[in-house]
Amino acid sequence: MTGKALGLLRKGGAFLAVGAIGFLVDAGTYNLLVFWGGEGPMFHAPLVAKIIAISVATVVTYFGNKWWTYSDHEGGAGARHILIYALLNVVAIGLQLGCLGFSRYVLGLDSPLADNISGTLIGQAVAMGFRFWAYGKFVFTGPRDDAR
């Protein structure tokens, strides 16, 4: 295996590990908001609950990716860096909400299992693929000076 392939495997593994933590934060937050005690406080506002859950998970995964997955890349803390990161996450949130919204409002499924499969499992898998590509291309770009 080439050095580039090994590097991609390492980076992909780190991204998946960080994503797994984000997945747990997203799923846990969403289920508490929507299904805690049967019908949670946001049962009738699942898309808003999903936005909150994804936002919390995004903060967690940002630092995991910055400090581990892309630790060998530049990634400033300036306004431009944060704006690009935020915009890419708005797109990723839209992908997840699209999956949840389709299940809830087109298919009429509103059980905990249906929401977790559509919004968390499928939606997050689609969003994670997008984020892996987009973060490496637009957010954490170029090698750090001390990694060259």
N, C-alpha and C. Protein backbone atom coordinates (compact mmCIF):
# COMPACT_ATOMS: atom_id res chain seq x y z
N MET A 1 0.84 -1.17 0.00
CA MET A 1 0.00 0.00 0.00
C MET A 1 0.89 1.24 0.00
N THR A 2 0.50 2.24 -0.76
CA THR A 2 1.30 3.47 -0.84
C THR A 2 1.08 4.33 0.40
N GLY A 3 2.01 5.26 0.59
CA GLY A 3 1.89 6.17 1.73
C GLY A 3 0.63 7.01 1.65
N LYS A 4 0.25 7.38 0.43
CA LYS A 4 -0.96 8.19 0.26
C LYS A 4 -2.21 7.39 0.64
N ALA A 5 -2.25 6.13 0.25
CA ALA A 5 -3.39 5.27 0.59
C ALA A 5 -3.48 5.05 2.10
N LEU A 6 -2.32 4.83 2.73
CA LEU A 6 -2.32 4.66 4.19
C LEU A 6 -2.77 5.92 4.90
N GLY A 7 -2.33 7.07 4.38
CA GLY A 7 -2.76 8.34 4.96
C GLY A 7 -4.26 8.54 4.84
N LEU A 8 -4.82 8.17 3.69
CA LEU A 8 -6.26 8.29 3.49
C LEU A 8 -7.02 7.33 4.41
N LEU A 9 -6.49 6.12 4.59
CA LEU A 9 -7.12 5.17 5.52
C LEU A 9 -7.09 5.71 6.95
N ARG A 10 -5.95 6.27 7.37
CA ARG A 10 -5.84 6.83 8.71
C ARG A 10 -6.81 7.98 8.90
N LYS A 11 -6.84 8.86 7.93
CA LYS A 11 -7.72 10.03 8.00
C LYS A 11 -9.19 9.58 7.99
N GLY A 12 -9.51 8.63 7.11
CA GLY A 12 -10.88 8.12 7.05
C GLY A 12 -11.30 7.44 8.35
N GLY A 13 -10.38 6.68 8.95
CA GLY A 13 -10.68 6.02 10.22
C GLY A 13 -10.91 7.03 11.34
N ALA A 14 -10.07 8.06 11.37
CA ALA A 14 -10.24 9.10 12.39
C ALA A 14 -11.57 9.83 12.18
N PHE A 15 -11.88 10.13 10.90
CA PHE A 15 -13.13 10.81 10.60
C PHE A 15 -14.33 9.97 11.02
N LEU A 16 -14.26 8.66 10.76
CA LEU A 16 -15.35 7.76 11.18
C LEU A 16 -15.48 7.68 12.69
N ALA A 17 -14.36 7.66 13.40
CA ALA A 17 -14.41 7.62 14.87
C ALA A 17 -15.03 8.90 15.42
N VAL A 18 -14.60 10.04 14.90
CA VAL A 18 -15.19 11.31 15.33
C VAL A 18 -16.67 11.34 14.95
N GLY A 19 -16.98 10.85 13.75
CA GLY A 19 -18.38 10.79 13.30
C GLY A 19 -19.23 9.90 14.18
N ALA A 20 -18.65 8.80 14.68
CA ALA A 20 -19.40 7.91 15.56
C ALA A 20 -19.79 8.62 16.86
N ILE A 21 -18.86 9.42 17.37
CA ILE A 21 -19.17 10.20 18.57
C ILE A 21 -20.26 11.22 18.24
N GLY A 22 -20.13 11.89 17.10
CA GLY A 22 -21.16 12.84 16.66
C GLY A 22 -22.50 12.16 16.48
N PHE A 23 -22.49 10.95 15.94
CA PHE A 23 -23.71 10.17 15.74
C PHE A 23 -24.42 9.94 17.08
N LEU A 24 -23.65 9.55 18.09
CA LEU A 24 -24.23 9.30 19.41
C LEU A 24 -24.80 10.58 20.02
N VAL A 25 -24.07 11.69 19.86
CA VAL A 25 -24.55 12.96 20.39
C VAL A 25 -25.83 13.38 19.66
N ASP A 26 -25.83 13.27 18.33
CA ASP A 26 -26.99 13.62 17.52
C ASP A 26 -28.20 12.76 17.90
N ALA A 27 -28.01 11.45 17.88
CA ALA A 27 -29.12 10.54 18.18
C ALA A 27 -29.63 10.73 19.60
N GLY A 28 -28.72 10.86 20.56
CA GLY A 28 -29.13 11.03 21.94
C GLY A 28 -29.91 12.32 22.16
N THR A 29 -29.40 13.40 21.61
CA THR A 29 -30.07 14.69 21.77
C THR A 29 -31.44 14.66 21.11
N TYR A 30 -31.51 14.15 19.88
CA TYR A 30 -32.78 14.10 19.16
C TYR A 30 -33.81 13.26 19.91
N ASN A 31 -33.41 12.09 20.36
CA ASN A 31 -34.35 11.20 21.05
C ASN A 31 -34.81 11.78 22.37
N LEU A 32 -33.95 12.48 23.07
CA LEU A 32 -34.38 13.15 24.30
C LEU A 32 -35.42 14.23 24.00
N LEU A 33 -35.17 15.01 22.95
CA LEU A 33 -36.08 16.10 22.62
C LEU A 33 -37.43 15.61 22.07
N VAL A 34 -37.39 14.54 21.28
CA VAL A 34 -38.62 14.13 20.57
C VAL A 34 -39.36 12.99 21.27
N PHE A 35 -38.63 12.07 21.88
CA PHE A 35 -39.29 10.87 22.39
C PHE A 35 -39.15 10.64 23.90
N TRP A 36 -38.55 11.54 24.63
CA TRP A 36 -38.36 11.35 26.07
C TRP A 36 -39.73 11.26 26.75
N GLY A 37 -39.98 10.16 27.41
CA GLY A 37 -41.24 9.96 28.11
C GLY A 37 -42.40 9.65 27.18
N GLY A 38 -42.15 9.13 26.01
CA GLY A 38 -43.18 8.83 25.01
C GLY A 38 -43.18 9.89 23.93
N GLU A 39 -43.89 10.96 24.17
CA GLU A 39 -43.85 12.12 23.28
C GLU A 39 -43.10 13.21 24.01
N GLY A 40 -41.86 13.46 23.58
CA GLY A 40 -41.03 14.45 24.24
C GLY A 40 -41.49 15.87 23.97
N PRO A 41 -40.78 16.84 24.52
CA PRO A 41 -41.19 18.24 24.39
C PRO A 41 -41.21 18.76 22.95
N MET A 42 -40.50 18.09 22.05
CA MET A 42 -40.47 18.55 20.66
C MET A 42 -41.00 17.48 19.70
N PHE A 43 -41.90 16.61 20.18
CA PHE A 43 -42.44 15.54 19.34
C PHE A 43 -43.08 16.10 18.08
N HIS A 44 -43.74 17.21 18.19
CA HIS A 44 -44.45 17.79 17.05
C HIS A 44 -43.58 18.79 16.27
N ALA A 45 -42.33 18.87 16.61
CA ALA A 45 -41.38 19.75 15.89
C ALA A 45 -40.09 18.97 15.63
N PRO A 46 -40.19 17.83 14.91
CA PRO A 46 -39.01 16.98 14.74
C PRO A 46 -37.89 17.64 13.94
N LEU A 47 -38.22 18.48 12.99
CA LEU A 47 -37.16 19.11 12.20
C LEU A 47 -36.38 20.12 13.03
N VAL A 48 -37.08 20.86 13.86
CA VAL A 48 -36.39 21.81 14.76
C VAL A 48 -35.53 21.03 15.76
N ALA A 49 -36.07 19.94 16.28
CA ALA A 49 -35.29 19.10 17.20
C ALA A 49 -34.05 18.55 16.52
N LYS A 50 -34.19 18.17 15.25
CA LYS A 50 -33.05 17.63 14.51
C LYS A 50 -32.00 18.72 14.28
N ILE A 51 -32.43 19.93 14.01
CA ILE A 51 -31.48 21.04 13.84
C ILE A 51 -30.69 21.25 15.14
N ILE A 52 -31.38 21.21 16.28
CA ILE A 52 -30.71 21.38 17.57
C ILE A 52 -29.72 20.23 17.80
N ALA A 53 -30.17 19.00 17.54
CA ALA A 53 -29.31 17.83 17.76
C ALA A 53 -28.07 17.87 16.86
N ILE A 54 -28.26 18.21 15.61
CA ILE A 54 -27.14 18.28 14.67
C ILE A 54 -26.19 19.41 15.08
N SER A 55 -26.73 20.52 15.52
CA SER A 55 -25.89 21.65 15.94
C SER A 55 -24.99 21.27 17.10
N VAL A 56 -25.55 20.58 18.08
CA VAL A 56 -24.75 20.13 19.23
C VAL A 56 -23.67 19.16 18.76
N ALA A 57 -24.05 18.20 17.93
CA ALA A 57 -23.09 17.22 17.41
C ALA A 57 -22.02 17.89 16.54
N THR A 58 -22.39 18.92 15.81
CA THR A 58 -21.45 19.62 14.93
C THR A 58 -20.34 20.28 15.74
N VAL A 59 -20.67 20.86 16.86
CA VAL A 59 -19.65 21.47 17.71
C VAL A 59 -18.67 20.40 18.20
N VAL A 60 -19.20 19.27 18.63
CA VAL A 60 -18.36 18.18 19.11
C VAL A 60 -17.45 17.67 17.99
N THR A 61 -18.01 17.44 16.81
CA THR A 61 -17.21 16.88 15.72
C THR A 61 -16.23 17.89 15.12
N TYR A 62 -16.57 19.17 15.20
CA TYR A 62 -15.63 20.18 14.71
C TYR A 62 -14.29 20.05 15.44
N PHE A 63 -14.36 20.02 16.76
CA PHE A 63 -13.11 19.94 17.52
C PHE A 63 -12.42 18.60 17.35
N GLY A 64 -13.19 17.53 17.25
CA GLY A 64 -12.58 16.22 16.98
C GLY A 64 -11.86 16.18 15.65
N ASN A 65 -12.49 16.74 14.63
CA ASN A 65 -11.85 16.77 13.31
C ASN A 65 -10.67 17.73 13.26
N LYS A 66 -10.81 18.87 13.89
CA LYS A 66 -9.73 19.86 13.89
C LYS A 66 -8.50 19.32 14.61
N TRP A 67 -8.70 18.70 15.76
CA TRP A 67 -7.57 18.28 16.59
C TRP A 67 -7.07 16.87 16.28
N TRP A 68 -7.86 16.06 15.53
CA TRP A 68 -7.41 14.70 15.26
C TRP A 68 -7.40 14.41 13.77
N THR A 69 -8.58 14.34 13.14
CA THR A 69 -8.66 13.93 11.74
C THR A 69 -7.79 14.78 10.83
N TYR A 70 -7.93 16.09 10.94
CA TYR A 70 -7.21 17.01 10.07
C TYR A 70 -6.12 17.76 10.83
N SER A 71 -5.54 17.13 11.85
CA SER A 71 -4.52 17.80 12.66
C SER A 71 -3.28 18.13 11.85
N ASP A 72 -3.07 17.46 10.73
CA ASP A 72 -1.91 17.72 9.89
C ASP A 72 -2.18 18.78 8.83
N HIS A 73 -3.35 19.42 8.88
CA HIS A 73 -3.73 20.43 7.90
C HIS A 73 -3.94 21.78 8.57
N GLU A 74 -3.76 22.81 7.77
CA GLU A 74 -4.08 24.16 8.23
C GLU A 74 -5.59 24.25 8.41
N GLY A 75 -5.99 24.97 9.35
CA GLY A 75 -7.40 25.22 9.58
C GLY A 75 -7.51 26.33 10.59
N GLY A 76 -7.51 27.53 10.09
CA GLY A 76 -7.49 28.68 10.98
C GLY A 76 -8.76 28.81 11.80
N ALA A 77 -8.72 29.71 12.74
CA ALA A 77 -9.88 29.98 13.57
C ALA A 77 -10.52 31.31 13.19
N GLY A 78 -10.10 31.87 12.06
CA GLY A 78 -10.62 33.16 11.64
C GLY A 78 -12.06 33.09 11.18
N ALA A 79 -12.62 34.26 10.92
CA ALA A 79 -14.02 34.37 10.53
C ALA A 79 -14.29 33.62 9.22
N ARG A 80 -13.37 33.70 8.26
CA ARG A 80 -13.58 33.02 6.98
C ARG A 80 -13.65 31.51 7.18
N HIS A 81 -12.76 30.98 7.98
CA HIS A 81 -12.72 29.54 8.27
C HIS A 81 -14.03 29.07 8.91
N ILE A 82 -14.47 29.80 9.91
CA ILE A 82 -15.70 29.45 10.62
C ILE A 82 -16.91 29.59 9.69
N LEU A 83 -16.93 30.62 8.85
CA LEU A 83 -18.04 30.83 7.91
C LEU A 83 -18.13 29.68 6.91
N ILE A 84 -17.01 29.27 6.35
CA ILE A 84 -17.03 28.15 5.41
C ILE A 84 -17.50 26.88 6.09
N TYR A 85 -16.98 26.62 7.28
CA TYR A 85 -17.38 25.45 8.04
C TYR A 85 -18.89 25.48 8.31
N ALA A 86 -19.40 26.63 8.71
CA ALA A 86 -20.83 26.78 9.00
C ALA A 86 -21.67 26.56 7.75
N LEU A 87 -21.25 27.14 6.63
CA LEU A 87 -22.01 26.99 5.38
C LEU A 87 -22.05 25.53 4.92
N LEU A 88 -20.93 24.85 5.02
CA LEU A 88 -20.90 23.43 4.64
C LEU A 88 -21.81 22.61 5.56
N ASN A 89 -21.87 22.98 6.83
CA ASN A 89 -22.75 22.26 7.75
C ASN A 89 -24.22 22.58 7.53
N VAL A 90 -24.52 23.76 7.02
CA VAL A 90 -25.91 24.06 6.65
C VAL A 90 -26.34 23.12 5.51
N VAL A 91 -25.45 22.91 4.54
CA VAL A 91 -25.76 21.97 3.45
C VAL A 91 -25.94 20.56 4.02
N ALA A 92 -25.04 20.15 4.91
CA ALA A 92 -25.12 18.81 5.50
C ALA A 92 -26.40 18.66 6.34
N ILE A 93 -26.77 19.69 7.07
CA ILE A 93 -28.01 19.66 7.84
C ILE A 93 -29.20 19.51 6.89
N GLY A 94 -29.16 20.21 5.78
CA GLY A 94 -30.22 20.08 4.78
C GLY A 94 -30.34 18.66 4.25
N LEU A 95 -29.23 17.99 4.06
CA LEU A 95 -29.26 16.60 3.61
C LEU A 95 -29.94 15.71 4.66
N GLN A 96 -29.58 15.91 5.92
CA GLN A 96 -30.19 15.11 6.98
C GLN A 96 -31.67 15.43 7.15
N LEU A 97 -32.01 16.70 7.11
CA LEU A 97 -33.42 17.09 7.26
C LEU A 97 -34.25 16.58 6.09
N GLY A 98 -33.65 16.55 4.91
CA GLY A 98 -34.36 16.02 3.74
C GLY A 98 -34.75 14.56 3.95
N CYS A 99 -33.83 13.77 4.50
CA CYS A 99 -34.13 12.36 4.78
C CYS A 99 -35.22 12.22 5.84
N LEU A 100 -35.10 12.99 6.93
CA LEU A 100 -36.11 12.93 8.00
C LEU A 100 -37.46 13.46 7.51
N GLY A 101 -37.44 14.58 6.81
CA GLY A 101 -38.69 15.17 6.30
C GLY A 101 -39.40 14.24 5.33
N PHE A 102 -38.64 13.57 4.47
CA PHE A 102 -39.24 12.63 3.51
C PHE A 102 -39.94 11.51 4.26
N SER A 103 -39.27 10.97 5.28
CA SER A 103 -39.86 9.88 6.05
C SER A 103 -41.10 10.34 6.82
N ARG A 104 -41.01 11.49 7.47
CA ARG A 104 -42.12 12.00 8.29
C ARG A 104 -43.30 12.46 7.45
N TYR A 105 -43.02 13.30 6.45
CA TYR A 105 -44.10 14.02 5.77
C TYR A 105 -44.51 13.43 4.43
N VAL A 106 -43.68 12.64 3.81
CA VAL A 106 -44.08 11.98 2.56
C VAL A 106 -44.55 10.56 2.84
N LEU A 107 -43.76 9.84 3.63
CA LEU A 107 -44.12 8.46 3.94
C LEU A 107 -45.04 8.34 5.15
N GLY A 108 -45.16 9.39 5.96
CA GLY A 108 -46.04 9.39 7.12
C GLY A 108 -45.56 8.55 8.28
N LEU A 109 -44.24 8.35 8.38
CA LEU A 109 -43.67 7.53 9.45
C LEU A 109 -43.17 8.43 10.57
N ASP A 110 -43.65 8.19 11.81
CA ASP A 110 -43.23 9.06 12.91
C ASP A 110 -42.83 8.29 14.17
N SER A 111 -42.49 7.03 14.01
CA SER A 111 -42.06 6.24 15.16
C SER A 111 -40.59 6.54 15.48
N PRO A 112 -40.16 6.21 16.69
CA PRO A 112 -38.74 6.39 17.01
C PRO A 112 -37.83 5.62 16.03
N LEU A 113 -38.23 4.41 15.66
CA LEU A 113 -37.41 3.62 14.74
C LEU A 113 -37.32 4.30 13.37
N ALA A 114 -38.45 4.75 12.85
CA ALA A 114 -38.45 5.40 11.53
C ALA A 114 -37.62 6.69 11.55
N ASP A 115 -37.78 7.51 12.59
CA ASP A 115 -37.01 8.75 12.69
C ASP A 115 -35.51 8.48 12.80
N ASN A 116 -35.16 7.48 13.57
CA ASN A 116 -33.74 7.18 13.75
C ASN A 116 -33.12 6.56 12.50
N ILE A 117 -33.87 5.78 11.77
CA ILE A 117 -33.35 5.22 10.52
C ILE A 117 -33.21 6.32 9.47
N SER A 118 -34.26 7.12 9.28
CA SER A 118 -34.23 8.12 8.21
C SER A 118 -33.38 9.33 8.54
N GLY A 119 -33.59 9.92 9.70
CA GLY A 119 -32.90 11.17 10.03
C GLY A 119 -31.52 10.99 10.60
N THR A 120 -31.33 9.93 11.35
CA THR A 120 -30.05 9.76 12.01
C THR A 120 -29.14 8.81 11.25
N LEU A 121 -29.62 7.63 10.90
CA LEU A 121 -28.76 6.66 10.24
C LEU A 121 -28.51 7.02 8.77
N ILE A 122 -29.56 7.07 7.98
CA ILE A 122 -29.41 7.37 6.56
C ILE A 122 -28.97 8.82 6.35
N GLY A 123 -29.66 9.73 7.02
CA GLY A 123 -29.34 11.15 6.87
C GLY A 123 -27.91 11.47 7.27
N GLN A 124 -27.47 10.89 8.37
CA GLN A 124 -26.12 11.18 8.82
C GLN A 124 -25.07 10.51 7.92
N ALA A 125 -25.38 9.35 7.37
CA ALA A 125 -24.43 8.72 6.44
C ALA A 125 -24.23 9.58 5.20
N VAL A 126 -25.32 10.10 4.66
CA VAL A 126 -25.23 10.98 3.49
C VAL A 126 -24.47 12.25 3.85
N ALA A 127 -24.82 12.86 4.97
CA ALA A 127 -24.16 14.09 5.40
C ALA A 127 -22.69 13.85 5.73
N MET A 128 -22.35 12.71 6.30
CA MET A 128 -20.97 12.42 6.65
C MET A 128 -20.10 12.29 5.41
N GLY A 129 -20.61 11.63 4.39
CA GLY A 129 -19.87 11.53 3.14
C GLY A 129 -19.60 12.92 2.56
N PHE A 130 -20.61 13.75 2.57
CA PHE A 130 -20.44 15.12 2.09
C PHE A 130 -19.42 15.88 2.93
N ARG A 131 -19.52 15.77 4.25
CA ARG A 131 -18.61 16.50 5.13
C ARG A 131 -17.15 16.05 4.95
N PHE A 132 -16.93 14.75 4.83
CA PHE A 132 -15.55 14.25 4.66
C PHE A 132 -14.92 14.88 3.43
N TRP A 133 -15.65 14.89 2.35
CA TRP A 133 -15.14 15.50 1.12
C TRP A 133 -14.97 17.01 1.29
N ALA A 134 -15.99 17.68 1.79
CA ALA A 134 -15.99 19.14 1.86
C ALA A 134 -14.99 19.69 2.87
N TYR A 135 -14.84 19.06 4.02
CA TYR A 135 -13.88 19.56 5.01
C TYR A 135 -12.46 19.51 4.47
N GLY A 136 -12.12 18.40 3.84
CA GLY A 136 -10.77 18.26 3.29
C GLY A 136 -10.52 19.22 2.14
N LYS A 137 -11.55 19.55 1.41
CA LYS A 137 -11.41 20.42 0.23
C LYS A 137 -11.48 21.90 0.59
N PHE A 138 -12.34 22.28 1.53
CA PHE A 138 -12.60 23.69 1.78
C PHE A 138 -12.25 24.21 3.18
N VAL A 139 -12.20 23.35 4.18
CA VAL A 139 -12.01 23.82 5.55
C VAL A 139 -10.59 23.59 6.03
N PHE A 140 -10.17 22.35 6.08
CA PHE A 140 -8.85 22.00 6.58
C PHE A 140 -7.96 21.77 5.36
N THR A 141 -7.40 22.84 4.82
CA THR A 141 -6.69 22.78 3.55
C THR A 141 -5.19 22.89 3.75
N GLY A 142 -4.46 22.20 2.92
CA GLY A 142 -3.00 22.30 2.92
C GLY A 142 -2.37 21.78 4.19
N PRO A 143 -1.14 21.30 4.08
CA PRO A 143 -0.43 20.81 5.27
C PRO A 143 -0.03 21.94 6.19
N ARG A 144 0.00 21.65 7.48
CA ARG A 144 0.46 22.64 8.45
C ARG A 144 1.96 22.84 8.25
N ASP A 145 2.45 23.99 8.65
CA ASP A 145 3.88 24.29 8.50
C ASP A 145 4.77 23.26 9.18
N ASP A 146 4.35 22.81 10.37
CA ASP A 146 5.18 21.85 11.10
C ASP A 146 5.01 20.42 10.62
N ALA A 147 4.07 20.17 9.65
CA ALA A 147 3.86 18.82 9.11
C ALA A 147 4.54 18.65 7.76
N ARG A 148 5.14 19.71 7.24
CA ARG A 148 5.78 19.64 5.91
C ARG A 148 7.10 18.97 5.96
